[in-house]
Protein backbone atom coordinates (compact mmCIF):
# COMPACT_ATOMS: atom_id res chain seq x y z
CA UNK A 1 0.00 0.00 0.00
CA UNK A 2 1.25 3.48 -0.84
CA UNK A 3 2.13 5.59 2.18
CA UNK A 4 0.86 9.19 2.50
CA UNK A 5 4.39 10.50 1.90
CA UNK A 6 4.48 8.74 -1.46
CA UNK A 7 0.95 9.72 -2.45
CA UNK A 8 0.07 13.02 -0.77
CA UNK A 9 -3.03 15.10 -1.33
CA UNK A 10 -6.27 14.11 -2.99
CA UNK A 11 -7.13 13.65 -6.66
CA UNK A 12 -10.72 14.35 -7.55
CA UNK A 13 -13.09 14.99 -10.43
CA UNK A 14 -16.27 17.07 -10.33
CA UNK A 15 -19.13 16.65 -12.79
CA UNK A 16 -22.57 18.21 -12.97
CA UNK A 17 -25.09 19.64 -15.41
CA UNK A 18 -24.97 23.30 -16.50
CA UNK A 19 -26.51 25.42 -13.77
CA UNK A 20 -25.82 23.01 -10.89
CA UNK A 21 -23.15 25.30 -9.41
CA UNK A 22 -20.19 23.15 -10.41
CA UNK A 23 -17.75 26.04 -10.75
CA UNK A 24 -18.68 27.40 -7.32
CA UNK A 25 -18.31 24.04 -5.61
CA UNK A 26 -15.06 23.32 -7.46
CA UNK A 27 -13.58 26.48 -5.94
CA UNK A 28 -14.77 25.50 -2.45
CA UNK A 29 -13.36 21.96 -2.73
CA UNK A 30 -10.04 23.21 -4.10
CA UNK A 31 -9.66 25.74 -1.29
CA UNK A 32 -10.69 23.22 1.39
CA UNK A 33 -8.16 20.61 0.30
CA UNK A 34 -5.46 23.07 -0.81
CA UNK A 35 -5.37 21.71 -4.36
CA UNK A 36 -5.68 23.45 -7.75
CA UNK A 37 -9.03 23.39 -9.54
CA UNK A 38 -8.18 22.53 -13.14
CA UNK A 39 -10.83 23.36 -15.73
CA UNK A 40 -10.06 22.35 -19.30
CA UNK A 41 -12.48 25.06 -20.48
CA UNK A 42 -10.51 27.70 -18.57
CA UNK A 43 -7.23 26.41 -20.03
CA UNK A 44 -8.69 26.57 -23.55
CA UNK A 45 -10.05 30.09 -23.04
CA UNK A 46 -6.79 31.36 -21.51
CA UNK A 47 -4.73 30.01 -24.40
CA UNK A 48 -7.11 31.60 -26.93
CA UNK A 49 -6.95 34.91 -25.04
CA UNK A 50 -3.14 34.79 -24.86
CA UNK A 51 -2.86 33.97 -28.57
CA UNK A 52 -0.63 30.94 -27.98
CA UNK A 53 -0.05 28.35 -30.70
CA UNK A 54 -2.30 26.02 -28.76
CA UNK A 55 -4.88 28.76 -28.46
CA UNK A 56 -4.84 29.33 -32.22
CA UNK A 57 -5.40 25.61 -32.86
CA UNK A 58 -8.30 25.50 -30.39
CA UNK A 59 -9.85 28.72 -31.70
CA UNK A 60 -9.79 27.43 -35.27
CA UNK A 61 -11.64 24.28 -34.19
CA UNK A 62 -14.15 25.88 -31.82
CA UNK A 63 -14.98 28.83 -34.09
CA UNK A 64 -16.25 26.40 -36.74
CA UNK A 65 -18.40 24.55 -34.19
CA UNK A 66 -16.07 21.58 -33.89
CA UNK A 67 -14.92 19.69 -30.81
CA UNK A 68 -11.33 19.83 -29.60
CA UNK A 69 -9.96 16.33 -30.36
CA UNK A 70 -9.11 13.95 -27.54
CA UNK A 71 -5.44 13.92 -28.52
CA UNK A 72 -5.13 17.67 -27.98
CA UNK A 73 -7.17 17.69 -24.78
CA UNK A 74 -5.21 14.74 -23.37
CA UNK A 75 -1.91 16.49 -24.06
CA UNK A 76 -3.12 19.67 -22.35
CA UNK A 77 -4.29 17.78 -19.26
CA UNK A 78 -1.09 15.70 -19.05
CA UNK A 79 0.98 18.89 -19.22
CA UNK A 80 -1.13 20.62 -16.55
CA UNK A 81 -1.06 17.65 -14.17
CA UNK A 82 2.72 17.56 -14.54
CA UNK A 83 3.07 21.06 -13.10
CA UNK A 84 4.36 21.51 -9.56
CA UNK A 85 1.14 22.74 -7.96
CA UNK A 86 -0.69 19.55 -9.00
CA UNK A 87 1.92 17.20 -7.49
CA UNK A 88 0.00 17.03 -4.21
CA UNK A 89 -3.45 16.61 -5.75
CA UNK A 90 -5.97 18.36 -7.97
CA UNK A 91 -9.64 18.76 -8.81
CA UNK A 92 -10.44 18.22 -12.49
CA UNK A 93 -13.47 19.96 -14.02
CA UNK A 94 -14.49 19.24 -17.62
CA UNK A 95 -12.23 16.23 -18.12
CA UNK A 96 -12.54 13.35 -18.82
CA UNK A 97 -15.60 13.61 -21.08
CA UNK A 98 -15.23 10.38 -23.07
CA UNK A 99 -14.31 6.75 -22.40
CA UNK A 100 -11.01 7.27 -24.25
CA UNK A 101 -10.21 10.23 -22.00
CA UNK A 102 -10.97 8.09 -18.92
CA UNK A 103 -8.41 5.56 -20.16
CA UNK A 104 -5.87 8.29 -20.87
CA UNK A 105 -6.29 9.83 -17.40
CA UNK A 106 -5.72 6.36 -15.93
CA UNK A 107 -2.46 6.16 -17.88
CA UNK A 108 -1.34 9.65 -16.84
CA UNK A 109 -1.95 8.92 -13.16
CA UNK A 110 -0.47 5.40 -13.29
CA UNK A 111 2.73 6.88 -14.72
CA UNK A 112 3.12 8.93 -11.53
CA UNK A 113 2.05 6.08 -9.26
CA UNK A 114 -1.20 7.73 -8.26
CA UNK A 115 -4.92 7.21 -8.82
CA UNK A 116 -8.22 9.05 -8.39
CA UNK A 117 -9.64 9.29 -4.88
CA UNK A 118 -13.19 10.26 -5.78
CA UNK A 119 -15.66 11.70 -8.30
CA UNK A 120 -18.16 14.30 -7.09
CA UNK A 121 -21.37 14.18 -9.12
CA UNK A 122 -23.63 17.18 -8.58
CA UNK A 123 -27.23 16.35 -9.40
CA UNK A 124 -30.11 18.78 -9.80
CA UNK A 125 -33.78 18.73 -10.73
CA UNK A 126 -33.83 19.62 -14.41
CA UNK A 127 -36.82 21.97 -14.26
CA UNK A 128 -35.33 23.87 -11.32
CA UNK A 129 -32.01 24.23 -13.14
CA UNK A 130 -33.77 25.48 -16.29
CA UNK A 131 -35.65 28.07 -14.21
CA UNK A 132 -32.39 29.15 -12.56
CA UNK A 133 -30.57 29.52 -15.89
CA UNK A 134 -33.45 31.40 -17.52
CA UNK A 135 -33.41 33.85 -14.62
CA UNK A 136 -29.63 34.25 -14.92
CA UNK A 137 -29.92 34.78 -18.69
CA UNK A 138 -32.54 37.50 -18.17
CA UNK A 139 -30.39 39.23 -15.54
CA UNK A 140 -27.32 39.13 -17.79
CA UNK A 141 -29.20 40.02 -20.98
CA UNK A 142 -28.27 36.74 -22.68
CA UNK A 143 -31.13 36.58 -25.17
CA UNK A 144 -29.71 33.47 -26.89
CA UNK A 145 -30.20 31.40 -23.74
CA UNK A 146 -33.75 30.32 -24.47
CA UNK A 147 -35.44 27.45 -22.66
CA UNK A 148 -34.97 25.25 -25.72
CA UNK A 149 -31.23 25.96 -25.85
CA UNK A 150 -30.83 25.39 -22.11
CA UNK A 151 -32.70 22.08 -22.22
CA UNK A 152 -30.59 20.97 -25.20
CA UNK A 153 -27.40 21.67 -23.21
CA UNK A 154 -28.79 19.55 -20.38
CA UNK A 155 -29.48 16.69 -22.81
CA UNK A 156 -25.97 16.92 -24.29
CA UNK A 157 -24.43 16.88 -20.82
CA UNK A 158 -26.31 13.73 -19.81
CA UNK A 159 -25.56 11.94 -23.10
CA UNK A 160 -21.86 12.76 -22.95
CA UNK A 161 -21.13 12.28 -19.27
CA UNK A 162 -23.29 9.31 -18.26
CA UNK A 163 -20.86 6.71 -19.71
CA UNK A 164 -17.98 8.45 -17.91
CA UNK A 165 -19.87 8.59 -14.61
CA UNK A 166 -20.87 4.94 -15.00
CA UNK A 167 -17.24 3.92 -15.57
CA UNK A 168 -16.23 5.53 -12.29
CA UNK A 169 -19.36 4.31 -10.49
CA UNK A 170 -18.29 0.74 -11.29
CA UNK A 171 -15.04 1.48 -9.47
CA UNK A 172 -16.95 2.77 -6.43
CA UNK A 173 -15.53 6.28 -6.81
CA UNK A 174 -18.70 8.33 -7.37
CA UNK A 175 -20.46 10.30 -4.64
CA UNK A 176 -23.73 11.91 -5.78
CA UNK A 177 -24.71 15.17 -4.12
CA UNK A 178 -27.82 17.32 -4.58
CA UNK A 179 -26.48 20.55 -6.11
CA UNK A 180 -29.54 22.66 -5.26
CA UNK A 181 -29.61 24.81 -2.12
CA UNK A 182 -27.35 27.45 -0.61
CA UNK A 183 -23.65 27.33 -1.46
CA UNK A 184 -22.79 26.45 2.16
CA UNK A 185 -25.40 23.68 2.32
CA UNK A 186 -24.17 22.08 -0.91
CA UNK A 187 -20.52 22.43 0.17
CA UNK A 188 -21.31 20.67 3.45
CA UNK A 189 -23.04 17.83 1.56
CA UNK A 190 -20.06 17.47 -0.77
CA UNK A 191 -17.49 17.34 2.04
CA UNK A 192 -19.64 14.89 4.06
CA UNK A 193 -20.02 12.65 1.00
CA UNK A 194 -16.27 12.67 0.36
CA UNK A 195 -15.55 11.97 4.02
CA UNK A 196 -17.84 8.92 3.79
CA UNK A 197 -15.43 7.60 1.15
CA UNK A 198 -12.44 8.29 3.37
CA UNK A 199 -11.51 11.51 1.56
CA UNK A 200 -11.32 14.09 4.32
CA UNK A 201 -9.29 17.17 5.12
CA UNK A 202 -6.18 16.33 7.12
CA UNK A 203 -6.30 17.46 10.71
C-alpha atoms as a PDB file:
ATOM      1  CA  UNK A   1       0.000   0.000   0.000  1.00  0.00           C
ATOM      2  CA  UNK A   2       1.249   3.476  -0.841  1.00  0.00           C
ATOM      3  CA  UNK A   3       2.125   5.589   2.177  1.00  0.00           C
ATOM      4  CA  UNK A   4       0.864   9.190   2.499  1.00  0.00           C
ATOM      5  CA  UNK A   5       4.385  10.496   1.898  1.00  0.00           C
ATOM      6  CA  UNK A   6       4.481   8.743  -1.465  1.00  0.00           C
ATOM      7  CA  UNK A   7       0.949   9.724  -2.454  1.00  0.00           C
ATOM      8  CA  UNK A   8       0.072  13.024  -0.766  1.00  0.00           C
ATOM      9  CA  UNK A   9      -3.030  15.099  -1.333  1.00  0.00           C
ATOM     10  CA  UNK A  10      -6.270  14.106  -2.990  1.00  0.00           C
ATOM     11  CA  UNK A  11      -7.126  13.651  -6.656  1.00  0.00           C
ATOM     12  CA  UNK A  12     -10.722  14.354  -7.546  1.00  0.00           C
ATOM     13  CA  UNK A  13     -13.092  14.994 -10.429  1.00  0.00           C
ATOM     14  CA  UNK A  14     -16.266  17.070 -10.330  1.00  0.00           C
ATOM     15  CA  UNK A  15     -19.132  16.649 -12.787  1.00  0.00           C
ATOM     16  CA  UNK A  16     -22.572  18.210 -12.970  1.00  0.00           C
ATOM     17  CA  UNK A  17     -25.093  19.642 -15.414  1.00  0.00           C
ATOM     18  CA  UNK A  18     -24.972  23.299 -16.499  1.00  0.00           C
ATOM     19  CA  UNK A  19     -26.509  25.422 -13.767  1.00  0.00           C
ATOM     20  CA  UNK A  20     -25.820  23.011 -10.893  1.00  0.00           C
ATOM     21  CA  UNK A  21     -23.154  25.299  -9.408  1.00  0.00           C
ATOM     22  CA  UNK A  22     -20.188  23.147 -10.409  1.00  0.00           C
ATOM     23  CA  UNK A  23     -17.751  26.041 -10.746  1.00  0.00           C
ATOM     24  CA  UNK A  24     -18.676  27.404  -7.321  1.00  0.00           C
ATOM     25  CA  UNK A  25     -18.311  24.039  -5.611  1.00  0.00           C
ATOM     26  CA  UNK A  26     -15.061  23.319  -7.462  1.00  0.00           C
ATOM     27  CA  UNK A  27     -13.582  26.484  -5.942  1.00  0.00           C
ATOM     28  CA  UNK A  28     -14.766  25.497  -2.446  1.00  0.00           C
ATOM     29  CA  UNK A  29     -13.365  21.957  -2.734  1.00  0.00           C
ATOM     30  CA  UNK A  30     -10.042  23.205  -4.103  1.00  0.00           C
ATOM     31  CA  UNK A  31      -9.659  25.736  -1.292  1.00  0.00           C
ATOM     32  CA  UNK A  32     -10.693  23.218   1.389  1.00  0.00           C
ATOM     33  CA  UNK A  33      -8.155  20.612   0.298  1.00  0.00           C
ATOM     34  CA  UNK A  34      -5.463  23.071  -0.809  1.00  0.00           C
ATOM     35  CA  UNK A  35      -5.369  21.710  -4.360  1.00  0.00           C
ATOM     36  CA  UNK A  36      -5.678  23.452  -7.746  1.00  0.00           C
ATOM     37  CA  UNK A  37      -9.032  23.395  -9.543  1.00  0.00           C
ATOM     38  CA  UNK A  38      -8.182  22.534 -13.141  1.00  0.00           C
ATOM     39  CA  UNK A  39     -10.833  23.361 -15.732  1.00  0.00           C
ATOM     40  CA  UNK A  40     -10.064  22.355 -19.302  1.00  0.00           C
ATOM     41  CA  UNK A  41     -12.480  25.056 -20.479  1.00  0.00           C
ATOM     42  CA  UNK A  42     -10.509  27.699 -18.571  1.00  0.00           C
ATOM     43  CA  UNK A  43      -7.228  26.410 -20.026  1.00  0.00           C
ATOM     44  CA  UNK A  44      -8.690  26.567 -23.547  1.00  0.00           C
ATOM     45  CA  UNK A  45     -10.045  30.093 -23.039  1.00  0.00           C
ATOM     46  CA  UNK A  46      -6.790  31.359 -21.510  1.00  0.00           C
ATOM     47  CA  UNK A  47      -4.726  30.013 -24.403  1.00  0.00           C
ATOM     48  CA  UNK A  48      -7.107  31.602 -26.928  1.00  0.00           C
ATOM     49  CA  UNK A  49      -6.951  34.912 -25.041  1.00  0.00           C
ATOM     50  CA  UNK A  50      -3.141  34.788 -24.863  1.00  0.00           C
ATOM     51  CA  UNK A  51      -2.859  33.968 -28.568  1.00  0.00           C
ATOM     52  CA  UNK A  52      -0.631  30.937 -27.977  1.00  0.00           C
ATOM     53  CA  UNK A  53      -0.051  28.354 -30.696  1.00  0.00           C
ATOM     54  CA  UNK A  54      -2.296  26.016 -28.759  1.00  0.00           C
ATOM     55  CA  UNK A  55      -4.884  28.763 -28.465  1.00  0.00           C
ATOM     56  CA  UNK A  56      -4.840  29.335 -32.221  1.00  0.00           C
ATOM     57  CA  UNK A  57      -5.402  25.611 -32.856  1.00  0.00           C
ATOM     58  CA  UNK A  58      -8.298  25.500 -30.387  1.00  0.00           C
ATOM     59  CA  UNK A  59      -9.850  28.718 -31.698  1.00  0.00           C
ATOM     60  CA  UNK A  60      -9.791  27.432 -35.275  1.00  0.00           C
ATOM     61  CA  UNK A  61     -11.643  24.277 -34.189  1.00  0.00           C
ATOM     62  CA  UNK A  62     -14.150  25.883 -31.819  1.00  0.00           C
ATOM     63  CA  UNK A  63     -14.980  28.828 -34.088  1.00  0.00           C
ATOM     64  CA  UNK A  64     -16.248  26.399 -36.740  1.00  0.00           C
ATOM     65  CA  UNK A  65     -18.399  24.551 -34.194  1.00  0.00           C
ATOM     66  CA  UNK A  66     -16.065  21.578 -33.890  1.00  0.00           C
ATOM     67  CA  UNK A  67     -14.922  19.689 -30.807  1.00  0.00           C
ATOM     68  CA  UNK A  68     -11.335  19.832 -29.599  1.00  0.00           C
ATOM     69  CA  UNK A  69      -9.962  16.326 -30.359  1.00  0.00           C
ATOM     70  CA  UNK A  70      -9.107  13.948 -27.537  1.00  0.00           C
ATOM     71  CA  UNK A  71      -5.441  13.919 -28.519  1.00  0.00           C
ATOM     72  CA  UNK A  72      -5.130  17.670 -27.983  1.00  0.00           C
ATOM     73  CA  UNK A  73      -7.174  17.689 -24.783  1.00  0.00           C
ATOM     74  CA  UNK A  74      -5.211  14.737 -23.369  1.00  0.00           C
ATOM     75  CA  UNK A  75      -1.910  16.493 -24.058  1.00  0.00           C
ATOM     76  CA  UNK A  76      -3.119  19.674 -22.353  1.00  0.00           C
ATOM     77  CA  UNK A  77      -4.286  17.780 -19.258  1.00  0.00           C
ATOM     78  CA  UNK A  78      -1.093  15.700 -19.050  1.00  0.00           C
ATOM     79  CA  UNK A  79       0.982  18.886 -19.219  1.00  0.00           C
ATOM     80  CA  UNK A  80      -1.134  20.623 -16.549  1.00  0.00           C
ATOM     81  CA  UNK A  81      -1.062  17.647 -14.170  1.00  0.00           C
ATOM     82  CA  UNK A  82       2.717  17.560 -14.542  1.00  0.00           C
ATOM     83  CA  UNK A  83       3.073  21.059 -13.099  1.00  0.00           C
ATOM     84  CA  UNK A  84       4.365  21.514  -9.561  1.00  0.00           C
ATOM     85  CA  UNK A  85       1.138  22.741  -7.959  1.00  0.00           C
ATOM     86  CA  UNK A  86      -0.690  19.554  -9.001  1.00  0.00           C
ATOM     87  CA  UNK A  87       1.919  17.204  -7.491  1.00  0.00           C
ATOM     88  CA  UNK A  88      -0.005  17.033  -4.214  1.00  0.00           C
ATOM     89  CA  UNK A  89      -3.454  16.608  -5.749  1.00  0.00           C
ATOM     90  CA  UNK A  90      -5.970  18.356  -7.973  1.00  0.00           C
ATOM     91  CA  UNK A  91      -9.637  18.765  -8.811  1.00  0.00           C
ATOM     92  CA  UNK A  92     -10.442  18.220 -12.488  1.00  0.00           C
ATOM     93  CA  UNK A  93     -13.471  19.960 -14.020  1.00  0.00           C
ATOM     94  CA  UNK A  94     -14.491  19.238 -17.622  1.00  0.00           C
ATOM     95  CA  UNK A  95     -12.226  16.227 -18.116  1.00  0.00           C
ATOM     96  CA  UNK A  96     -12.536  13.352 -18.820  1.00  0.00           C
ATOM     97  CA  UNK A  97     -15.599  13.613 -21.077  1.00  0.00           C
ATOM     98  CA  UNK A  98     -15.225  10.375 -23.075  1.00  0.00           C
ATOM     99  CA  UNK A  99     -14.305   6.746 -22.404  1.00  0.00           C
ATOM    100  CA  UNK A 100     -11.013   7.270 -24.251  1.00  0.00           C
ATOM    101  CA  UNK A 101     -10.211  10.231 -22.002  1.00  0.00           C
ATOM    102  CA  UNK A 102     -10.970   8.091 -18.924  1.00  0.00           C
ATOM    103  CA  UNK A 103      -8.409   5.561 -20.161  1.00  0.00           C
ATOM    104  CA  UNK A 104      -5.871   8.289 -20.874  1.00  0.00           C
ATOM    105  CA  UNK A 105      -6.289   9.830 -17.403  1.00  0.00           C
ATOM    106  CA  UNK A 106      -5.724   6.356 -15.930  1.00  0.00           C
ATOM    107  CA  UNK A 107      -2.463   6.157 -17.884  1.00  0.00           C
ATOM    108  CA  UNK A 108      -1.345   9.654 -16.838  1.00  0.00           C
ATOM    109  CA  UNK A 109      -1.948   8.920 -13.155  1.00  0.00           C
ATOM    110  CA  UNK A 110      -0.471   5.404 -13.287  1.00  0.00           C
ATOM    111  CA  UNK A 111       2.733   6.878 -14.716  1.00  0.00           C
ATOM    112  CA  UNK A 112       3.116   8.930 -11.531  1.00  0.00           C
ATOM    113  CA  UNK A 113       2.051   6.077  -9.264  1.00  0.00           C
ATOM    114  CA  UNK A 114      -1.204   7.733  -8.263  1.00  0.00           C
ATOM    115  CA  UNK A 115      -4.924   7.213  -8.821  1.00  0.00           C
ATOM    116  CA  UNK A 116      -8.218   9.053  -8.395  1.00  0.00           C
ATOM    117  CA  UNK A 117      -9.637   9.288  -4.883  1.00  0.00           C
ATOM    118  CA  UNK A 118     -13.189  10.260  -5.783  1.00  0.00           C
ATOM    119  CA  UNK A 119     -15.659  11.696  -8.296  1.00  0.00           C
ATOM    120  CA  UNK A 120     -18.165  14.302  -7.087  1.00  0.00           C
ATOM    121  CA  UNK A 121     -21.369  14.179  -9.119  1.00  0.00           C
ATOM    122  CA  UNK A 122     -23.631  17.180  -8.584  1.00  0.00           C
ATOM    123  CA  UNK A 123     -27.230  16.347  -9.399  1.00  0.00           C
ATOM    124  CA  UNK A 124     -30.114  18.784  -9.800  1.00  0.00           C
ATOM    125  CA  UNK A 125     -33.777  18.727 -10.726  1.00  0.00           C
ATOM    126  CA  UNK A 126     -33.826  19.623 -14.408  1.00  0.00           C
ATOM    127  CA  UNK A 127     -36.818  21.974 -14.260  1.00  0.00           C
ATOM    128  CA  UNK A 128     -35.326  23.871 -11.319  1.00  0.00           C
ATOM    129  CA  UNK A 129     -32.010  24.234 -13.143  1.00  0.00           C
ATOM    130  CA  UNK A 130     -33.770  25.480 -16.289  1.00  0.00           C
ATOM    131  CA  UNK A 131     -35.649  28.069 -14.207  1.00  0.00           C
ATOM    132  CA  UNK A 132     -32.386  29.151 -12.555  1.00  0.00           C
ATOM    133  CA  UNK A 133     -30.569  29.515 -15.892  1.00  0.00           C
ATOM    134  CA  UNK A 134     -33.455  31.400 -17.523  1.00  0.00           C
ATOM    135  CA  UNK A 135     -33.412  33.855 -14.619  1.00  0.00           C
ATOM    136  CA  UNK A 136     -29.631  34.251 -14.921  1.00  0.00           C
ATOM    137  CA  UNK A 137     -29.918  34.783 -18.692  1.00  0.00           C
ATOM    138  CA  UNK A 138     -32.539  37.498 -18.166  1.00  0.00           C
ATOM    139  CA  UNK A 139     -30.393  39.229 -15.535  1.00  0.00           C
ATOM    140  CA  UNK A 140     -27.323  39.130 -17.791  1.00  0.00           C
ATOM    141  CA  UNK A 141     -29.196  40.021 -20.984  1.00  0.00           C
ATOM    142  CA  UNK A 142     -28.268  36.742 -22.684  1.00  0.00           C
ATOM    143  CA  UNK A 143     -31.126  36.582 -25.166  1.00  0.00           C
ATOM    144  CA  UNK A 144     -29.711  33.469 -26.893  1.00  0.00           C
ATOM    145  CA  UNK A 145     -30.196  31.399 -23.744  1.00  0.00           C
ATOM    146  CA  UNK A 146     -33.748  30.319 -24.473  1.00  0.00           C
ATOM    147  CA  UNK A 147     -35.444  27.453 -22.656  1.00  0.00           C
ATOM    148  CA  UNK A 148     -34.966  25.247 -25.723  1.00  0.00           C
ATOM    149  CA  UNK A 149     -31.229  25.959 -25.849  1.00  0.00           C
ATOM    150  CA  UNK A 150     -30.826  25.394 -22.111  1.00  0.00           C
ATOM    151  CA  UNK A 151     -32.703  22.075 -22.222  1.00  0.00           C
ATOM    152  CA  UNK A 152     -30.591  20.968 -25.196  1.00  0.00           C
ATOM    153  CA  UNK A 153     -27.402  21.673 -23.208  1.00  0.00           C
ATOM    154  CA  UNK A 154     -28.792  19.545 -20.377  1.00  0.00           C
ATOM    155  CA  UNK A 155     -29.476  16.687 -22.814  1.00  0.00           C
ATOM    156  CA  UNK A 156     -25.975  16.918 -24.288  1.00  0.00           C
ATOM    157  CA  UNK A 157     -24.434  16.876 -20.818  1.00  0.00           C
ATOM    158  CA  UNK A 158     -26.314  13.731 -19.813  1.00  0.00           C
ATOM    159  CA  UNK A 159     -25.564  11.941 -23.101  1.00  0.00           C
ATOM    160  CA  UNK A 160     -21.857  12.756 -22.947  1.00  0.00           C
ATOM    161  CA  UNK A 161     -21.132  12.283 -19.268  1.00  0.00           C
ATOM    162  CA  UNK A 162     -23.293   9.314 -18.257  1.00  0.00           C
ATOM    163  CA  UNK A 163     -20.859   6.713 -19.708  1.00  0.00           C
ATOM    164  CA  UNK A 164     -17.976   8.446 -17.907  1.00  0.00           C
ATOM    165  CA  UNK A 165     -19.866   8.588 -14.608  1.00  0.00           C
ATOM    166  CA  UNK A 166     -20.867   4.939 -15.003  1.00  0.00           C
ATOM    167  CA  UNK A 167     -17.240   3.924 -15.573  1.00  0.00           C
ATOM    168  CA  UNK A 168     -16.233   5.533 -12.286  1.00  0.00           C
ATOM    169  CA  UNK A 169     -19.362   4.313 -10.490  1.00  0.00           C
ATOM    170  CA  UNK A 170     -18.287   0.740 -11.292  1.00  0.00           C
ATOM    171  CA  UNK A 171     -15.035   1.483  -9.467  1.00  0.00           C
ATOM    172  CA  UNK A 172     -16.950   2.767  -6.432  1.00  0.00           C
ATOM    173  CA  UNK A 173     -15.527   6.284  -6.813  1.00  0.00           C
ATOM    174  CA  UNK A 174     -18.704   8.330  -7.366  1.00  0.00           C
ATOM    175  CA  UNK A 175     -20.459  10.302  -4.638  1.00  0.00           C
ATOM    176  CA  UNK A 176     -23.731  11.906  -5.784  1.00  0.00           C
ATOM    177  CA  UNK A 177     -24.715  15.167  -4.118  1.00  0.00           C
ATOM    178  CA  UNK A 178     -27.818  17.322  -4.583  1.00  0.00           C
ATOM    179  CA  UNK A 179     -26.476  20.554  -6.106  1.00  0.00           C
ATOM    180  CA  UNK A 180     -29.536  22.664  -5.259  1.00  0.00           C
ATOM    181  CA  UNK A 181     -29.614  24.806  -2.121  1.00  0.00           C
ATOM    182  CA  UNK A 182     -27.347  27.449  -0.614  1.00  0.00           C
ATOM    183  CA  UNK A 183     -23.646  27.332  -1.462  1.00  0.00           C
ATOM    184  CA  UNK A 184     -22.793  26.453   2.155  1.00  0.00           C
ATOM    185  CA  UNK A 185     -25.395  23.680   2.321  1.00  0.00           C
ATOM    186  CA  UNK A 186     -24.173  22.084  -0.910  1.00  0.00           C
ATOM    187  CA  UNK A 187     -20.525  22.425   0.168  1.00  0.00           C
ATOM    188  CA  UNK A 188     -21.315  20.671   3.455  1.00  0.00           C
ATOM    189  CA  UNK A 189     -23.035  17.834   1.562  1.00  0.00           C
ATOM    190  CA  UNK A 190     -20.055  17.470  -0.770  1.00  0.00           C
ATOM    191  CA  UNK A 191     -17.490  17.337   2.040  1.00  0.00           C
ATOM    192  CA  UNK A 192     -19.639  14.892   4.059  1.00  0.00           C
ATOM    193  CA  UNK A 193     -20.016  12.646   1.004  1.00  0.00           C
ATOM    194  CA  UNK A 194     -16.269  12.673   0.357  1.00  0.00           C
ATOM    195  CA  UNK A 195     -15.547  11.966   4.017  1.00  0.00           C
ATOM    196  CA  UNK A 196     -17.842   8.922   3.792  1.00  0.00           C
ATOM    197  CA  UNK A 197     -15.430   7.603   1.146  1.00  0.00           C
ATOM    198  CA  UNK A 198     -12.444   8.292   3.366  1.00  0.00           C
ATOM    199  CA  UNK A 199     -11.515  11.508   1.557  1.00  0.00           C
ATOM    200  CA  UNK A 200     -11.319  14.089   4.324  1.00  0.00           C
ATOM    201  CA  UNK A 201      -9.292  17.171   5.122  1.00  0.00           C
ATOM    202  CA  UNK A 202      -6.177  16.330   7.121  1.00  0.00           C
ATOM    203  CA  UNK A 203      -6.296  17.462  10.713  1.00  0.00           C
END
